[in-house]
Amino acid sequence: MKVIFLTVLNILIIRFQLSFYPNIMLLEVPLLISLYFFLNEKTKPSHGLFFSCFLGLISDFLYGYPLGLYGFSLTLTGYITYFLYNKLYIQSKIFLFLIFFLSHIINSSIFYFLIKIFNVSILRDYFISFFFSSVFDSLILSFIIKKR
């Protein structure tokens, strides 16, 4: 039930964002939802990987990217963040913020690298609001996710 709710929430927020701000990405909603699902204490890592891939494919379809580009970057980012989150001892919200900020940079770098490799032109300016969305997404996640 939680997976269905998060998927529908992702679709609704992306459609809302694209209808009002079609050329910039204010929030990176798939990354927020994916990391929230991935770092939930009751979620197995394999379920998080499949959910991230599924959410990435839906986002590829909604944003108009070639299928698999964002899905791959979201899955790989989720796995790296899960690994960092479980291997490091987190004592404060600031350290949690830094992990999520780093995961946002990793996700954007992987996506940009895939765009350049496959020579894909995207209509939206993905990097125009990079700093704003990375800071805002990291703040949201650092307050939603509990530290271990």
N, C-alpha and C. Protein backbone atom coordinates (compact mmCIF):
# COMPACT_ATOMS: atom_id res chain seq x y z
N MET A 1 0.82 -1.19 0.00
CA MET A 1 0.00 0.00 0.00
C MET A 1 0.87 1.27 0.00
N LYS A 2 1.97 1.20 0.75
CA LYS A 2 2.88 2.34 0.83
C LYS A 2 3.52 2.62 -0.52
N VAL A 3 3.85 1.55 -1.26
CA VAL A 3 4.47 1.70 -2.57
C VAL A 3 3.51 2.39 -3.54
N ILE A 4 2.25 1.98 -3.50
CA ILE A 4 1.25 2.58 -4.39
C ILE A 4 1.06 4.05 -4.04
N PHE A 5 0.97 4.35 -2.75
CA PHE A 5 0.81 5.74 -2.33
C PHE A 5 1.99 6.61 -2.76
N LEU A 6 3.21 6.12 -2.56
CA LEU A 6 4.39 6.90 -2.94
C LEU A 6 4.50 7.06 -4.45
N THR A 7 4.10 6.05 -5.22
CA THR A 7 4.13 6.15 -6.68
C THR A 7 3.13 7.17 -7.18
N VAL A 8 1.92 7.13 -6.65
CA VAL A 8 0.89 8.10 -7.05
C VAL A 8 1.30 9.51 -6.62
N LEU A 9 1.88 9.63 -5.43
CA LEU A 9 2.37 10.93 -4.98
C LEU A 9 3.45 11.47 -5.91
N ASN A 10 4.35 10.61 -6.35
CA ASN A 10 5.40 11.00 -7.29
C ASN A 10 4.79 11.52 -8.59
N ILE A 11 3.84 10.78 -9.13
CA ILE A 11 3.21 11.18 -10.39
C ILE A 11 2.48 12.51 -10.25
N LEU A 12 1.74 12.67 -9.18
CA LEU A 12 0.98 13.91 -8.99
C LEU A 12 1.89 15.13 -8.82
N ILE A 13 2.94 14.99 -8.04
CA ILE A 13 3.83 16.12 -7.81
C ILE A 13 4.60 16.47 -9.09
N ILE A 14 5.02 15.46 -9.84
CA ILE A 14 5.72 15.74 -11.10
C ILE A 14 4.80 16.44 -12.08
N ARG A 15 3.55 15.97 -12.19
CA ARG A 15 2.60 16.61 -13.12
C ARG A 15 2.33 18.05 -12.67
N PHE A 16 2.18 18.27 -11.38
CA PHE A 16 1.96 19.62 -10.86
C PHE A 16 3.15 20.52 -11.17
N GLN A 17 4.35 19.99 -10.94
CA GLN A 17 5.57 20.75 -11.18
C GLN A 17 5.74 21.08 -12.66
N LEU A 18 5.45 20.12 -13.53
CA LEU A 18 5.61 20.35 -14.97
C LEU A 18 4.56 21.31 -15.51
N SER A 19 3.38 21.36 -14.89
CA SER A 19 2.35 22.27 -15.39
C SER A 19 2.64 23.73 -15.04
N PHE A 20 3.29 23.97 -13.90
CA PHE A 20 3.57 25.35 -13.50
C PHE A 20 4.99 25.80 -13.84
N TYR A 21 5.96 24.90 -13.75
CA TYR A 21 7.36 25.22 -14.04
C TYR A 21 7.91 24.19 -15.01
N PRO A 22 7.58 24.29 -16.29
CA PRO A 22 7.97 23.21 -17.22
C PRO A 22 9.46 23.16 -17.53
N ASN A 23 10.20 24.23 -17.33
CA ASN A 23 11.60 24.24 -17.75
C ASN A 23 12.61 24.07 -16.63
N ILE A 24 12.16 24.10 -15.38
CA ILE A 24 13.09 23.93 -14.27
C ILE A 24 12.56 22.89 -13.30
N MET A 25 13.46 22.30 -12.55
CA MET A 25 13.09 21.29 -11.57
C MET A 25 13.33 21.88 -10.18
N LEU A 26 12.23 22.28 -9.52
CA LEU A 26 12.37 22.88 -8.20
C LEU A 26 12.65 21.83 -7.13
N LEU A 27 11.99 20.72 -7.20
CA LEU A 27 12.22 19.61 -6.29
C LEU A 27 12.53 18.38 -7.12
N GLU A 28 13.44 17.59 -6.67
CA GLU A 28 13.70 16.33 -7.35
C GLU A 28 12.92 15.26 -6.60
N VAL A 29 11.63 15.22 -6.90
CA VAL A 29 10.68 14.38 -6.17
C VAL A 29 11.02 12.89 -6.25
N PRO A 30 11.38 12.35 -7.41
CA PRO A 30 11.70 10.92 -7.42
C PRO A 30 12.87 10.56 -6.50
N LEU A 31 13.86 11.44 -6.42
CA LEU A 31 14.98 11.18 -5.52
C LEU A 31 14.54 11.25 -4.07
N LEU A 32 13.70 12.22 -3.72
CA LEU A 32 13.19 12.33 -2.36
C LEU A 32 12.42 11.08 -1.96
N ILE A 33 11.49 10.67 -2.80
CA ILE A 33 10.64 9.52 -2.48
C ILE A 33 11.46 8.23 -2.46
N SER A 34 12.37 8.10 -3.40
CA SER A 34 13.19 6.90 -3.48
C SER A 34 14.08 6.75 -2.24
N LEU A 35 14.73 7.83 -1.84
CA LEU A 35 15.60 7.75 -0.66
C LEU A 35 14.79 7.56 0.62
N TYR A 36 13.61 8.16 0.67
CA TYR A 36 12.75 7.93 1.83
C TYR A 36 12.37 6.46 1.93
N PHE A 37 12.01 5.86 0.80
CA PHE A 37 11.64 4.44 0.80
C PHE A 37 12.85 3.56 1.08
N PHE A 38 13.98 3.91 0.48
CA PHE A 38 15.20 3.12 0.62
C PHE A 38 15.69 3.11 2.06
N LEU A 39 15.64 4.23 2.75
CA LEU A 39 16.23 4.34 4.08
C LEU A 39 15.24 4.10 5.20
N ASN A 40 14.04 3.67 4.85
CA ASN A 40 13.07 3.30 5.86
C ASN A 40 13.57 2.03 6.56
N GLU A 41 13.38 1.95 7.85
CA GLU A 41 13.92 0.84 8.62
C GLU A 41 13.28 -0.50 8.25
N LYS A 42 12.06 -0.49 7.76
CA LYS A 42 11.36 -1.74 7.47
C LYS A 42 11.59 -2.21 6.03
N THR A 43 12.28 -1.45 5.22
CA THR A 43 12.46 -1.79 3.82
C THR A 43 13.73 -2.59 3.61
N LYS A 44 13.62 -3.65 2.86
CA LYS A 44 14.80 -4.43 2.49
C LYS A 44 15.53 -3.72 1.36
N PRO A 45 16.85 -3.87 1.26
CA PRO A 45 17.59 -3.19 0.19
C PRO A 45 17.14 -3.60 -1.21
N SER A 46 16.77 -4.87 -1.38
CA SER A 46 16.32 -5.30 -2.71
C SER A 46 15.01 -4.63 -3.10
N HIS A 47 14.11 -4.45 -2.13
CA HIS A 47 12.85 -3.75 -2.42
C HIS A 47 13.11 -2.28 -2.76
N GLY A 48 14.07 -1.70 -2.07
CA GLY A 48 14.43 -0.32 -2.37
C GLY A 48 15.01 -0.16 -3.77
N LEU A 49 15.84 -1.13 -4.18
CA LEU A 49 16.41 -1.09 -5.54
C LEU A 49 15.33 -1.18 -6.60
N PHE A 50 14.41 -2.12 -6.44
CA PHE A 50 13.35 -2.28 -7.43
C PHE A 50 12.41 -1.08 -7.44
N PHE A 51 12.11 -0.54 -6.27
CA PHE A 51 11.23 0.63 -6.22
C PHE A 51 11.90 1.84 -6.85
N SER A 52 13.20 2.02 -6.61
CA SER A 52 13.93 3.14 -7.21
C SER A 52 13.95 3.02 -8.73
N CYS A 53 14.17 1.82 -9.22
CA CYS A 53 14.18 1.60 -10.66
C CYS A 53 12.80 1.87 -11.25
N PHE A 54 11.76 1.38 -10.59
CA PHE A 54 10.38 1.59 -11.05
C PHE A 54 10.02 3.07 -11.05
N LEU A 55 10.38 3.77 -9.98
CA LEU A 55 10.10 5.20 -9.88
C LEU A 55 10.89 5.98 -10.92
N GLY A 56 12.11 5.56 -11.19
CA GLY A 56 12.92 6.21 -12.21
C GLY A 56 12.34 6.03 -13.60
N LEU A 57 11.83 4.84 -13.89
CA LEU A 57 11.22 4.60 -15.20
C LEU A 57 9.94 5.42 -15.38
N ILE A 58 9.15 5.52 -14.32
CA ILE A 58 7.95 6.37 -14.39
C ILE A 58 8.35 7.83 -14.61
N SER A 59 9.40 8.26 -13.92
CA SER A 59 9.86 9.64 -14.07
C SER A 59 10.42 9.89 -15.46
N ASP A 60 11.12 8.90 -16.03
CA ASP A 60 11.59 9.03 -17.41
C ASP A 60 10.42 9.26 -18.35
N PHE A 61 9.38 8.51 -18.15
CA PHE A 61 8.20 8.65 -19.00
C PHE A 61 7.53 10.02 -18.82
N LEU A 62 7.39 10.47 -17.57
CA LEU A 62 6.71 11.75 -17.31
C LEU A 62 7.52 12.95 -17.77
N TYR A 63 8.83 12.91 -17.57
CA TYR A 63 9.68 14.03 -17.96
C TYR A 63 10.02 14.02 -19.45
N GLY A 64 9.80 12.89 -20.12
CA GLY A 64 10.09 12.80 -21.54
C GLY A 64 11.53 12.41 -21.84
N TYR A 65 12.22 11.84 -20.86
CA TYR A 65 13.58 11.37 -21.09
C TYR A 65 13.51 9.99 -21.75
N PRO A 66 14.58 9.55 -22.40
CA PRO A 66 14.62 8.17 -22.87
C PRO A 66 14.52 7.20 -21.70
N LEU A 67 13.74 6.15 -21.87
CA LEU A 67 13.50 5.23 -20.77
C LEU A 67 14.79 4.59 -20.27
N GLY A 68 15.01 4.68 -19.00
CA GLY A 68 16.15 4.03 -18.37
C GLY A 68 17.24 4.97 -17.90
N LEU A 69 17.32 6.19 -18.44
CA LEU A 69 18.40 7.09 -18.02
C LEU A 69 18.24 7.51 -16.57
N TYR A 70 17.10 8.07 -16.24
CA TYR A 70 16.89 8.52 -14.87
C TYR A 70 16.69 7.33 -13.93
N GLY A 71 16.09 6.26 -14.45
CA GLY A 71 15.90 5.06 -13.64
C GLY A 71 17.21 4.47 -13.18
N PHE A 72 18.19 4.42 -14.08
CA PHE A 72 19.50 3.88 -13.71
C PHE A 72 20.20 4.78 -12.70
N SER A 73 20.16 6.09 -12.94
CA SER A 73 20.85 7.00 -12.01
C SER A 73 20.18 7.00 -10.64
N LEU A 74 18.87 6.89 -10.61
CA LEU A 74 18.16 6.87 -9.33
C LEU A 74 18.44 5.58 -8.56
N THR A 75 18.51 4.46 -9.26
CA THR A 75 18.80 3.18 -8.61
C THR A 75 20.22 3.16 -8.05
N LEU A 76 21.17 3.61 -8.84
CA LEU A 76 22.56 3.62 -8.39
C LEU A 76 22.76 4.61 -7.23
N THR A 77 22.12 5.75 -7.29
CA THR A 77 22.20 6.73 -6.21
C THR A 77 21.58 6.17 -4.92
N GLY A 78 20.44 5.51 -5.06
CA GLY A 78 19.81 4.90 -3.88
C GLY A 78 20.69 3.87 -3.22
N TYR A 79 21.35 3.05 -4.03
CA TYR A 79 22.24 2.03 -3.48
C TYR A 79 23.44 2.66 -2.78
N ILE A 80 24.06 3.66 -3.40
CA ILE A 80 25.22 4.32 -2.79
C ILE A 80 24.83 5.02 -1.49
N THR A 81 23.68 5.68 -1.48
CA THR A 81 23.22 6.37 -0.27
C THR A 81 22.89 5.37 0.83
N TYR A 82 22.26 4.27 0.46
CA TYR A 82 21.96 3.22 1.44
C TYR A 82 23.24 2.67 2.05
N PHE A 83 24.24 2.46 1.23
CA PHE A 83 25.53 1.95 1.72
C PHE A 83 26.17 2.96 2.68
N LEU A 84 26.21 4.24 2.30
CA LEU A 84 26.79 5.26 3.17
C LEU A 84 26.01 5.40 4.48
N TYR A 85 24.70 5.38 4.36
CA TYR A 85 23.84 5.58 5.52
C TYR A 85 24.01 4.45 6.53
N ASN A 86 24.19 3.23 6.06
CA ASN A 86 24.32 2.10 6.98
C ASN A 86 25.74 1.88 7.48
N LYS A 87 26.73 2.33 6.75
CA LYS A 87 28.12 2.10 7.16
C LYS A 87 28.66 3.20 8.07
N LEU A 88 28.12 4.39 7.97
CA LEU A 88 28.60 5.52 8.77
C LEU A 88 27.74 5.69 10.02
N TYR A 89 28.38 6.05 11.09
CA TYR A 89 27.66 6.32 12.32
C TYR A 89 27.19 7.77 12.31
N ILE A 90 25.89 7.96 12.25
CA ILE A 90 25.32 9.30 12.11
C ILE A 90 24.89 9.80 13.48
N GLN A 91 25.47 10.93 13.88
CA GLN A 91 25.14 11.47 15.19
C GLN A 91 24.30 12.74 15.12
N SER A 92 24.31 13.43 14.00
CA SER A 92 23.59 14.70 13.96
C SER A 92 22.85 14.86 12.64
N LYS A 93 21.92 15.80 12.65
CA LYS A 93 21.16 16.12 11.44
C LYS A 93 22.05 16.78 10.38
N ILE A 94 23.10 17.43 10.80
CA ILE A 94 24.01 18.08 9.84
C ILE A 94 24.73 17.02 9.01
N PHE A 95 25.16 15.97 9.64
CA PHE A 95 25.83 14.89 8.92
C PHE A 95 24.84 14.19 7.99
N LEU A 96 23.62 14.03 8.43
CA LEU A 96 22.56 13.46 7.60
C LEU A 96 22.30 14.36 6.39
N PHE A 97 22.28 15.67 6.60
CA PHE A 97 22.12 16.63 5.51
C PHE A 97 23.25 16.48 4.49
N LEU A 98 24.48 16.33 4.97
CA LEU A 98 25.62 16.20 4.06
C LEU A 98 25.55 14.92 3.24
N ILE A 99 25.08 13.83 3.83
CA ILE A 99 24.93 12.58 3.08
C ILE A 99 23.89 12.77 1.97
N PHE A 100 22.78 13.41 2.28
CA PHE A 100 21.74 13.60 1.26
C PHE A 100 22.17 14.62 0.20
N PHE A 101 22.93 15.62 0.60
CA PHE A 101 23.45 16.57 -0.37
C PHE A 101 24.42 15.87 -1.33
N LEU A 102 25.26 15.01 -0.78
CA LEU A 102 26.18 14.24 -1.60
C LEU A 102 25.43 13.29 -2.53
N SER A 103 24.36 12.68 -2.05
CA SER A 103 23.58 11.78 -2.90
C SER A 103 22.90 12.55 -4.03
N HIS A 104 22.48 13.77 -3.78
CA HIS A 104 21.89 14.60 -4.83
C HIS A 104 22.93 14.93 -5.90
N ILE A 105 24.13 15.24 -5.47
CA ILE A 105 25.20 15.54 -6.43
C ILE A 105 25.55 14.28 -7.23
N ILE A 106 25.59 13.14 -6.58
CA ILE A 106 25.88 11.88 -7.28
C ILE A 106 24.80 11.58 -8.31
N ASN A 107 23.54 11.76 -7.93
CA ASN A 107 22.44 11.49 -8.85
C ASN A 107 22.50 12.41 -10.07
N SER A 108 22.73 13.68 -9.85
CA SER A 108 22.81 14.62 -10.97
C SER A 108 24.02 14.35 -11.85
N SER A 109 25.13 13.95 -11.24
CA SER A 109 26.34 13.66 -12.02
C SER A 109 26.15 12.41 -12.88
N ILE A 110 25.54 11.37 -12.32
CA ILE A 110 25.29 10.16 -13.10
C ILE A 110 24.35 10.46 -14.25
N PHE A 111 23.29 11.22 -13.97
CA PHE A 111 22.32 11.55 -15.01
C PHE A 111 22.97 12.38 -16.12
N TYR A 112 23.77 13.37 -15.73
CA TYR A 112 24.46 14.21 -16.71
C TYR A 112 25.44 13.38 -17.54
N PHE A 113 26.14 12.45 -16.89
CA PHE A 113 27.08 11.58 -17.58
C PHE A 113 26.35 10.70 -18.60
N LEU A 114 25.20 10.17 -18.23
CA LEU A 114 24.42 9.34 -19.16
C LEU A 114 23.88 10.16 -20.33
N ILE A 115 23.49 11.40 -20.07
CA ILE A 115 23.03 12.27 -21.15
C ILE A 115 24.15 12.52 -22.15
N LYS A 116 25.34 12.76 -21.64
CA LYS A 116 26.48 13.02 -22.53
C LYS A 116 26.93 11.76 -23.28
N ILE A 117 26.89 10.61 -22.62
CA ILE A 117 27.29 9.36 -23.29
C ILE A 117 26.36 9.04 -24.45
N PHE A 118 25.06 9.13 -24.20
CA PHE A 118 24.09 8.75 -25.22
C PHE A 118 23.69 9.91 -26.13
N ASN A 119 24.30 11.07 -25.92
CA ASN A 119 24.09 12.24 -26.76
C ASN A 119 22.59 12.59 -26.87
N VAL A 120 21.97 12.70 -25.71
CA VAL A 120 20.55 12.98 -25.63
C VAL A 120 20.37 14.47 -25.38
N SER A 121 19.46 15.08 -26.12
CA SER A 121 19.14 16.48 -25.85
C SER A 121 17.82 16.52 -25.09
N ILE A 122 17.83 17.20 -23.97
CA ILE A 122 16.60 17.32 -23.19
C ILE A 122 16.11 18.74 -23.33
N LEU A 123 14.79 18.90 -23.32
CA LEU A 123 14.20 20.21 -23.52
C LEU A 123 14.28 21.07 -22.27
N ARG A 124 14.19 20.43 -21.12
CA ARG A 124 14.22 21.19 -19.87
C ARG A 124 15.66 21.46 -19.45
N ASP A 125 15.86 22.58 -18.82
CA ASP A 125 17.20 22.89 -18.30
C ASP A 125 17.32 22.25 -16.93
N TYR A 126 17.93 21.08 -16.91
CA TYR A 126 17.99 20.25 -15.71
C TYR A 126 18.85 20.88 -14.63
N PHE A 127 19.86 21.62 -15.00
CA PHE A 127 20.84 22.11 -14.03
C PHE A 127 20.66 23.57 -13.66
N ILE A 128 19.58 24.21 -14.10
CA ILE A 128 19.41 25.63 -13.81
C ILE A 128 19.13 25.86 -12.32
N SER A 129 18.45 24.93 -11.70
CA SER A 129 18.13 25.10 -10.28
C SER A 129 18.79 24.02 -9.43
N PHE A 130 19.97 23.61 -9.84
CA PHE A 130 20.64 22.49 -9.18
C PHE A 130 20.91 22.77 -7.71
N PHE A 131 21.49 23.92 -7.41
CA PHE A 131 21.86 24.19 -6.02
C PHE A 131 20.64 24.33 -5.13
N PHE A 132 19.61 25.03 -5.62
CA PHE A 132 18.40 25.21 -4.83
C PHE A 132 17.74 23.86 -4.53
N SER A 133 17.58 23.04 -5.55
CA SER A 133 16.90 21.77 -5.34
C SER A 133 17.72 20.82 -4.48
N SER A 134 19.04 20.86 -4.62
CA SER A 134 19.86 19.95 -3.80
C SER A 134 19.82 20.34 -2.33
N VAL A 135 19.88 21.61 -2.04
CA VAL A 135 19.82 22.06 -0.64
C VAL A 135 18.43 21.81 -0.06
N PHE A 136 17.40 22.15 -0.82
CA PHE A 136 16.03 22.00 -0.32
C PHE A 136 15.67 20.53 -0.13
N ASP A 137 16.03 19.68 -1.09
CA ASP A 137 15.77 18.24 -0.97
C ASP A 137 16.52 17.65 0.22
N SER A 138 17.76 18.06 0.41
CA SER A 138 18.56 17.53 1.52
C SER A 138 17.99 17.97 2.87
N LEU A 139 17.49 19.19 2.95
CA LEU A 139 16.86 19.65 4.19
C LEU A 139 15.61 18.84 4.50
N ILE A 140 14.79 18.62 3.49
CA ILE A 140 13.57 17.85 3.70
C ILE A 140 13.90 16.44 4.17
N LEU A 141 14.82 15.79 3.49
CA LEU A 141 15.16 14.41 3.86
C LEU A 141 15.83 14.32 5.22
N SER A 142 16.65 15.29 5.57
CA SER A 142 17.33 15.20 6.87
C SER A 142 16.35 15.35 8.04
N PHE A 143 15.19 15.98 7.80
CA PHE A 143 14.21 16.07 8.87
C PHE A 143 13.19 14.93 8.85
N ILE A 144 13.03 14.30 7.69
CA ILE A 144 12.07 13.18 7.60
C ILE A 144 12.70 11.87 8.05
N ILE A 145 13.92 11.62 7.61
CA ILE A 145 14.61 10.36 7.92
C ILE A 145 15.17 10.42 9.34
N LYS A 146 14.95 9.37 10.08
CA LYS A 146 15.48 9.32 11.45
C LYS A 146 16.95 8.91 11.41
N LYS A 147 17.73 9.51 12.28
CA LYS A 147 19.13 9.10 12.37
C LYS A 147 19.23 7.81 13.17
N ARG A 148 20.23 7.03 12.85
CA ARG A 148 20.39 5.73 13.52
C ARG A 148 21.32 5.83 14.69
